[in-house]
N, C-alpha and C. Protein backbone atom coordinates (compact mmCIF):
# COMPACT_ATOMS: atom_id res chain seq x y z
N MET A 1 35.63 -10.10 12.63
CA MET A 1 35.96 -9.56 13.93
C MET A 1 37.08 -10.34 14.59
N SER A 2 37.07 -11.63 14.46
CA SER A 2 38.10 -12.43 15.09
C SER A 2 39.46 -12.20 14.44
N ARG A 3 39.47 -11.91 13.13
CA ARG A 3 40.74 -11.62 12.46
C ARG A 3 41.36 -10.34 13.01
N VAL A 4 40.55 -9.35 13.25
CA VAL A 4 41.04 -8.09 13.79
C VAL A 4 41.60 -8.30 15.18
N ARG A 5 40.89 -9.03 16.00
CA ARG A 5 41.34 -9.31 17.36
C ARG A 5 42.65 -10.10 17.33
N HIS A 6 42.71 -11.09 16.45
CA HIS A 6 43.92 -11.90 16.31
C HIS A 6 45.10 -11.01 15.87
N PHE A 7 44.86 -10.12 14.93
CA PHE A 7 45.90 -9.22 14.46
C PHE A 7 46.39 -8.31 15.59
N LYS A 8 45.46 -7.75 16.38
CA LYS A 8 45.83 -6.86 17.48
C LYS A 8 46.67 -7.60 18.52
N GLU A 9 46.29 -8.82 18.83
CA GLU A 9 47.05 -9.60 19.81
C GLU A 9 48.45 -9.91 19.28
N HIS A 10 48.49 -10.30 18.02
CA HIS A 10 49.79 -10.59 17.40
C HIS A 10 50.66 -9.34 17.39
N TRP A 11 50.05 -8.21 17.04
CA TRP A 11 50.77 -6.94 16.99
C TRP A 11 51.33 -6.57 18.37
N LYS A 12 50.55 -6.73 19.43
CA LYS A 12 51.00 -6.41 20.79
C LYS A 12 52.17 -7.30 21.20
N LYS A 13 52.07 -8.59 20.89
CA LYS A 13 53.17 -9.50 21.22
C LYS A 13 54.44 -9.10 20.49
N TRP A 14 54.28 -8.77 19.22
CA TRP A 14 55.45 -8.39 18.42
C TRP A 14 56.07 -7.11 18.96
N ARG A 15 55.28 -6.10 19.33
CA ARG A 15 55.81 -4.84 19.86
C ARG A 15 56.56 -5.07 21.18
N ARG A 16 55.97 -5.92 22.05
CA ARG A 16 56.65 -6.22 23.32
C ARG A 16 58.00 -6.87 23.07
N LYS A 17 58.03 -7.78 22.12
CA LYS A 17 59.27 -8.48 21.77
C LYS A 17 60.32 -7.49 21.27
N VAL A 18 59.91 -6.58 20.41
CA VAL A 18 60.83 -5.57 19.87
C VAL A 18 61.34 -4.67 20.99
N LYS A 19 60.46 -4.25 21.88
CA LYS A 19 60.87 -3.38 22.99
C LYS A 19 61.87 -4.09 23.90
N ARG A 20 61.63 -5.36 24.18
CA ARG A 20 62.58 -6.12 25.01
C ARG A 20 63.93 -6.23 24.34
N ARG A 21 63.92 -6.50 23.02
CA ARG A 21 65.18 -6.58 22.28
C ARG A 21 65.95 -5.27 22.34
N LYS A 22 65.23 -4.17 22.13
CA LYS A 22 65.87 -2.84 22.18
C LYS A 22 66.46 -2.58 23.55
N ALA A 23 65.71 -2.92 24.58
CA ALA A 23 66.18 -2.68 25.95
C ALA A 23 67.43 -3.51 26.24
N SER A 24 67.44 -4.76 25.80
CA SER A 24 68.62 -5.60 26.07
C SER A 24 69.83 -5.10 25.28
N ARG A 25 69.61 -4.64 24.05
CA ARG A 25 70.73 -4.08 23.27
C ARG A 25 71.27 -2.81 23.91
N LYS A 26 70.35 -1.97 24.38
CA LYS A 26 70.76 -0.72 25.03
C LYS A 26 71.57 -1.02 26.29
N LYS A 27 71.13 -2.00 27.06
CA LYS A 27 71.84 -2.39 28.27
C LYS A 27 73.22 -2.94 27.93
N ALA A 28 73.30 -3.76 26.88
CA ALA A 28 74.59 -4.34 26.48
C ALA A 28 75.55 -3.25 26.02
N ARG A 29 75.04 -2.26 25.27
CA ARG A 29 75.90 -1.15 24.83
C ARG A 29 76.41 -0.35 26.02
N ALA A 30 75.54 -0.09 27.00
CA ALA A 30 75.94 0.66 28.19
C ALA A 30 77.01 -0.09 28.98
N GLU A 31 76.85 -1.40 29.10
CA GLU A 31 77.85 -2.20 29.81
C GLU A 31 79.17 -2.22 29.05
N ALA A 32 79.11 -2.29 27.73
CA ALA A 32 80.33 -2.28 26.92
C ALA A 32 81.05 -0.95 27.06
N ARG A 33 80.29 0.15 27.06
CA ARG A 33 80.90 1.47 27.24
C ARG A 33 81.56 1.58 28.60
N ALA A 34 80.89 1.07 29.63
CA ALA A 34 81.44 1.16 30.98
C ALA A 34 82.70 0.30 31.10
N ALA A 35 82.72 -0.83 30.43
CA ALA A 35 83.88 -1.73 30.51
C ALA A 35 85.06 -1.18 29.73
N LYS A 36 84.80 -0.44 28.65
CA LYS A 36 85.87 0.04 27.79
C LYS A 36 86.17 1.52 28.01
N LYS A 37 85.86 2.05 29.16
CA LYS A 37 86.05 3.47 29.41
C LYS A 37 87.55 3.81 29.32
N THR A 38 87.89 4.73 28.41
CA THR A 38 89.28 5.13 28.26
C THR A 38 89.51 6.42 29.01
N GLU A 39 90.67 6.52 29.59
CA GLU A 39 90.98 7.72 30.37
C GLU A 39 91.28 8.89 29.44
N PHE A 40 91.11 10.09 29.98
CA PHE A 40 91.24 11.30 29.17
C PHE A 40 92.64 11.45 28.61
N SER A 41 93.66 11.11 29.38
CA SER A 41 95.03 11.29 28.90
C SER A 41 95.33 10.38 27.71
N LYS A 42 94.69 9.21 27.67
CA LYS A 42 94.88 8.31 26.53
C LYS A 42 94.21 8.89 25.28
N LYS A 43 93.02 9.49 25.46
CA LYS A 43 92.35 10.15 24.34
C LYS A 43 93.17 11.33 23.85
N LEU A 44 93.76 12.07 24.78
CA LEU A 44 94.58 13.21 24.42
C LEU A 44 95.84 12.76 23.68
N ALA A 45 96.40 11.64 24.07
CA ALA A 45 97.57 11.11 23.37
C ALA A 45 97.22 10.71 21.94
N ALA A 46 96.06 10.11 21.75
CA ALA A 46 95.62 9.75 20.40
C ALA A 46 95.41 11.02 19.56
N TRP A 47 94.85 12.04 20.18
CA TRP A 47 94.65 13.31 19.49
C TRP A 47 96.00 13.92 19.10
N ALA A 48 96.98 13.85 19.98
CA ALA A 48 98.31 14.39 19.69
C ALA A 48 98.95 13.66 18.52
N VAL A 49 98.79 12.35 18.46
CA VAL A 49 99.33 11.58 17.33
C VAL A 49 98.67 12.03 16.02
N CYS A 50 97.35 12.21 16.06
CA CYS A 50 96.63 12.64 14.84
C CYS A 50 97.09 14.03 14.40
N VAL A 51 97.20 14.95 15.34
CA VAL A 51 97.61 16.32 14.99
C VAL A 51 99.03 16.33 14.44
N ALA A 52 99.93 15.60 15.07
CA ALA A 52 101.32 15.56 14.59
C ALA A 52 101.39 14.96 13.19
N THR A 53 100.67 13.89 12.97
CA THR A 53 100.67 13.24 11.66
C THR A 53 100.08 14.16 10.59
N LEU A 54 98.95 14.78 10.90
CA LEU A 54 98.32 15.66 9.93
C LEU A 54 99.15 16.91 9.64
N SER A 55 99.85 17.42 10.64
CA SER A 55 100.68 18.61 10.39
C SER A 55 101.84 18.27 9.45
N VAL A 56 102.44 17.12 9.62
CA VAL A 56 103.53 16.72 8.73
C VAL A 56 103.00 16.45 7.33
N ILE A 57 101.86 15.77 7.23
CA ILE A 57 101.27 15.49 5.92
C ILE A 57 100.91 16.79 5.21
N ALA A 58 100.30 17.72 5.94
CA ALA A 58 99.91 19.00 5.34
C ALA A 58 101.14 19.76 4.85
N SER A 59 102.22 19.70 5.59
CA SER A 59 103.44 20.40 5.19
C SER A 59 103.97 19.84 3.87
N TYR A 60 104.00 18.51 3.75
CA TYR A 60 104.51 17.90 2.52
C TYR A 60 103.54 18.10 1.34
N VAL A 61 102.24 18.06 1.60
CA VAL A 61 101.27 18.28 0.52
C VAL A 61 101.39 19.71 -0.01
N LEU A 62 101.50 20.66 0.90
CA LEU A 62 101.64 22.05 0.47
C LEU A 62 102.95 22.26 -0.30
N ALA A 63 104.01 21.60 0.13
CA ALA A 63 105.27 21.72 -0.59
C ALA A 63 105.17 21.09 -1.97
N ALA A 64 104.45 20.00 -2.09
CA ALA A 64 104.29 19.34 -3.39
C ALA A 64 103.44 20.17 -4.34
N LEU A 65 102.49 20.90 -3.80
CA LEU A 65 101.64 21.75 -4.63
C LEU A 65 102.30 23.07 -5.00
N GLY A 66 103.45 23.32 -4.45
CA GLY A 66 104.17 24.55 -4.76
C GLY A 66 103.79 25.71 -3.87
N CYS A 67 102.94 25.48 -2.91
CA CYS A 67 102.58 26.56 -1.98
C CYS A 67 103.70 26.72 -0.96
N GLU A 68 103.73 27.87 -0.36
CA GLU A 68 104.76 28.14 0.62
C GLU A 68 104.32 27.57 1.97
N THR A 69 105.14 26.73 2.55
CA THR A 69 104.80 26.14 3.85
C THR A 69 105.49 26.92 4.94
N VAL A 70 104.85 26.97 6.07
CA VAL A 70 105.44 27.62 7.24
C VAL A 70 106.05 26.50 8.08
N SER A 71 107.31 26.23 7.80
CA SER A 71 107.95 25.07 8.43
C SER A 71 108.15 25.29 9.93
N ASP A 72 108.29 26.53 10.36
CA ASP A 72 108.47 26.78 11.80
C ASP A 72 107.24 26.34 12.59
N VAL A 73 106.06 26.63 12.04
CA VAL A 73 104.83 26.24 12.73
C VAL A 73 104.69 24.72 12.74
N THR A 74 104.98 24.09 11.63
CA THR A 74 104.89 22.63 11.54
C THR A 74 105.83 21.97 12.53
N VAL A 75 107.05 22.46 12.61
CA VAL A 75 108.03 21.90 13.55
C VAL A 75 107.58 22.13 14.98
N ALA A 76 107.03 23.30 15.28
CA ALA A 76 106.57 23.59 16.65
C ALA A 76 105.41 22.66 17.04
N VAL A 77 104.45 22.48 16.14
CA VAL A 77 103.31 21.60 16.43
C VAL A 77 103.79 20.17 16.62
N PHE A 78 104.63 19.71 15.72
CA PHE A 78 105.12 18.34 15.79
C PHE A 78 105.91 18.12 17.07
N THR A 79 106.77 19.08 17.43
CA THR A 79 107.58 18.96 18.65
C THR A 79 106.69 18.95 19.89
N GLY A 80 105.66 19.79 19.90
CA GLY A 80 104.74 19.81 21.04
C GLY A 80 104.01 18.49 21.20
N CYS A 81 103.56 17.93 20.10
CA CYS A 81 102.84 16.65 20.16
C CYS A 81 103.75 15.52 20.63
N ILE A 82 104.95 15.49 20.10
CA ILE A 82 105.90 14.45 20.52
C ILE A 82 106.27 14.63 21.99
N GLY A 83 106.42 15.89 22.41
CA GLY A 83 106.70 16.15 23.83
C GLY A 83 105.59 15.63 24.73
N TYR A 84 104.34 15.84 24.31
CA TYR A 84 103.23 15.32 25.10
C TYR A 84 103.25 13.81 25.15
N LEU A 85 103.54 13.17 24.02
CA LEU A 85 103.57 11.70 23.99
C LEU A 85 104.65 11.15 24.92
N ILE A 86 105.79 11.82 24.97
CA ILE A 86 106.85 11.39 25.89
C ILE A 86 106.39 11.55 27.33
N THR A 87 105.73 12.67 27.62
CA THR A 87 105.21 12.89 28.97
C THR A 87 104.17 11.83 29.34
N TYR A 88 103.29 11.52 28.39
CA TYR A 88 102.26 10.50 28.63
C TYR A 88 102.90 9.14 28.89
N ALA A 89 103.92 8.81 28.13
CA ALA A 89 104.59 7.52 28.33
C ALA A 89 105.21 7.45 29.73
N GLY A 90 105.82 8.57 30.17
CA GLY A 90 106.39 8.60 31.52
C GLY A 90 105.33 8.46 32.59
N LYS A 91 104.20 9.13 32.41
CA LYS A 91 103.10 9.04 33.37
C LYS A 91 102.57 7.61 33.45
N SER A 92 102.37 6.99 32.30
CA SER A 92 101.86 5.61 32.27
C SER A 92 102.84 4.64 32.92
N LEU A 93 104.12 4.85 32.66
CA LEU A 93 105.14 4.00 33.28
C LEU A 93 105.13 4.15 34.79
N GLY A 94 105.02 5.39 35.26
CA GLY A 94 104.97 5.62 36.70
C GLY A 94 103.75 4.97 37.34
N GLU A 95 102.60 5.07 36.69
CA GLU A 95 101.40 4.43 37.22
C GLU A 95 101.55 2.91 37.25
N LYS A 96 102.12 2.36 36.20
CA LYS A 96 102.30 0.90 36.14
C LYS A 96 103.24 0.42 37.24
N MET A 97 104.33 1.15 37.43
CA MET A 97 105.28 0.76 38.48
C MET A 97 104.64 0.88 39.86
N SER A 98 103.83 1.91 40.06
CA SER A 98 103.16 2.09 41.35
C SER A 98 102.16 0.96 41.60
N ARG A 99 101.40 0.59 40.56
CA ARG A 99 100.45 -0.51 40.72
C ARG A 99 101.17 -1.81 41.04
N ASN A 100 102.29 -2.05 40.37
CA ASN A 100 103.05 -3.28 40.63
C ASN A 100 103.60 -3.26 42.05
N LYS A 101 104.07 -2.11 42.50
CA LYS A 101 104.66 -1.99 43.83
C LYS A 101 103.62 -2.28 44.92
N HIS A 102 102.39 -1.80 44.69
CA HIS A 102 101.36 -1.94 45.71
C HIS A 102 100.43 -3.13 45.48
N GLY A 103 100.72 -3.95 44.46
CA GLY A 103 99.94 -5.16 44.21
C GLY A 103 98.53 -4.90 43.71
N LEU A 104 98.36 -3.94 42.79
CA LEU A 104 97.04 -3.63 42.24
C LEU A 104 97.01 -3.98 40.76
N ASP A 105 95.83 -4.36 40.27
CA ASP A 105 95.69 -4.59 38.84
C ASP A 105 95.36 -3.27 38.15
N ALA A 106 95.07 -3.30 36.85
CA ALA A 106 94.84 -2.08 36.08
C ALA A 106 93.63 -1.29 36.56
N ASP A 107 92.66 -1.96 37.18
CA ASP A 107 91.46 -1.28 37.67
C ASP A 107 91.61 -0.79 39.10
N GLY A 108 92.74 -1.08 39.75
CA GLY A 108 92.96 -0.64 41.12
C GLY A 108 92.52 -1.65 42.15
N ASN A 109 92.18 -2.85 41.74
CA ASN A 109 91.78 -3.90 42.68
C ASN A 109 93.02 -4.67 43.14
N PRO A 110 93.02 -5.14 44.39
CA PRO A 110 94.18 -5.91 44.87
C PRO A 110 94.40 -7.15 44.02
N TYR A 111 95.66 -7.42 43.75
CA TYR A 111 96.04 -8.55 42.91
C TYR A 111 96.92 -9.48 43.71
N THR A 112 96.55 -10.75 43.75
CA THR A 112 97.38 -11.74 44.42
C THR A 112 97.81 -12.76 43.38
N PRO A 113 99.10 -12.85 43.10
CA PRO A 113 99.55 -13.81 42.10
C PRO A 113 99.35 -15.24 42.60
N PRO A 114 99.06 -16.17 41.71
CA PRO A 114 98.90 -17.56 42.14
C PRO A 114 100.24 -18.11 42.64
N SER A 115 100.17 -18.93 43.68
CA SER A 115 101.40 -19.50 44.22
C SER A 115 101.96 -20.54 43.27
N THR A 116 103.27 -20.72 43.32
CA THR A 116 103.92 -21.68 42.42
C THR A 116 103.84 -23.10 42.94
N ALA A 117 103.70 -23.26 44.25
CA ALA A 117 103.64 -24.60 44.83
C ALA A 117 102.20 -25.11 44.80
N PRO A 118 102.00 -26.37 44.45
CA PRO A 118 100.65 -26.93 44.49
C PRO A 118 100.14 -26.97 45.93
N GLU A 119 98.85 -26.67 46.12
CA GLU A 119 98.30 -26.59 47.47
C GLU A 119 98.07 -27.97 48.09
N ASP A 120 97.90 -28.99 47.26
CA ASP A 120 97.58 -30.30 47.82
C ASP A 120 98.80 -31.05 48.34
N GLU A 121 99.99 -30.57 48.02
CA GLU A 121 101.20 -31.24 48.50
C GLU A 121 101.72 -30.54 49.76
N ALA A 122 102.09 -31.32 50.75
CA ALA A 122 102.66 -30.78 51.98
C ALA A 122 104.15 -30.55 51.75
N PRO A 123 104.74 -29.57 52.43
CA PRO A 123 106.17 -29.34 52.27
C PRO A 123 106.97 -30.53 52.83
N LEU A 124 108.15 -30.73 52.26
CA LEU A 124 108.99 -31.84 52.71
C LEU A 124 109.62 -31.51 54.05
N ASP A 125 109.68 -32.52 54.92
CA ASP A 125 110.34 -32.33 56.22
C ASP A 125 111.82 -32.67 56.07
N MET A 126 112.67 -31.79 56.56
CA MET A 126 114.10 -32.01 56.48
C MET A 126 114.59 -32.47 57.87
N ASP A 127 115.41 -33.50 57.87
CA ASP A 127 116.00 -33.90 59.14
C ASP A 127 117.28 -33.11 59.37
N THR A 128 118.00 -33.40 60.42
CA THR A 128 119.19 -32.63 60.77
C THR A 128 120.32 -32.79 59.79
N THR A 129 120.33 -33.87 59.00
CA THR A 129 121.42 -34.09 58.04
C THR A 129 121.14 -33.43 56.70
N GLY A 130 119.93 -32.88 56.50
CA GLY A 130 119.61 -32.25 55.24
C GLY A 130 118.91 -33.16 54.27
N ASN A 131 118.64 -34.40 54.69
CA ASN A 131 117.92 -35.32 53.82
C ASN A 131 116.42 -35.15 54.02
N ALA A 132 115.71 -35.20 52.95
CA ALA A 132 114.27 -35.01 53.01
C ALA A 132 113.58 -36.31 53.35
N ASP A 133 112.62 -36.24 54.25
CA ASP A 133 111.81 -37.40 54.57
C ASP A 133 110.62 -37.42 53.60
N LEU A 134 110.50 -38.49 52.86
CA LEU A 134 109.41 -38.58 51.89
C LEU A 134 108.25 -39.30 52.48
């Protein structure tokens, strides 16, 4: 009887430990997802790169196999994807310049650059002749 009781207690402790581990891993994954959230336009840009690359590869593979390729469609898809990437680059540049202009970091929080002068030193006093009093 005592062996059964001992086993049940050990089993309960082990299950609690496993549940806590799972919960902490789940929480860590959720925090990582929240920290690495990518914006939709960046995902769309990655998709455009994939589509453009695959369309060019498919065109060359079909040509190598002797099949007839529709080069007009391939050129149109490739041009559209490259056009989107150029638009995305312009949008990102505009956002970056706006953030820099208004003193915001990438998350939109105010950014204050560290001062170049050490805080513990007082500024030098200049007399009327331009010589610094040390």
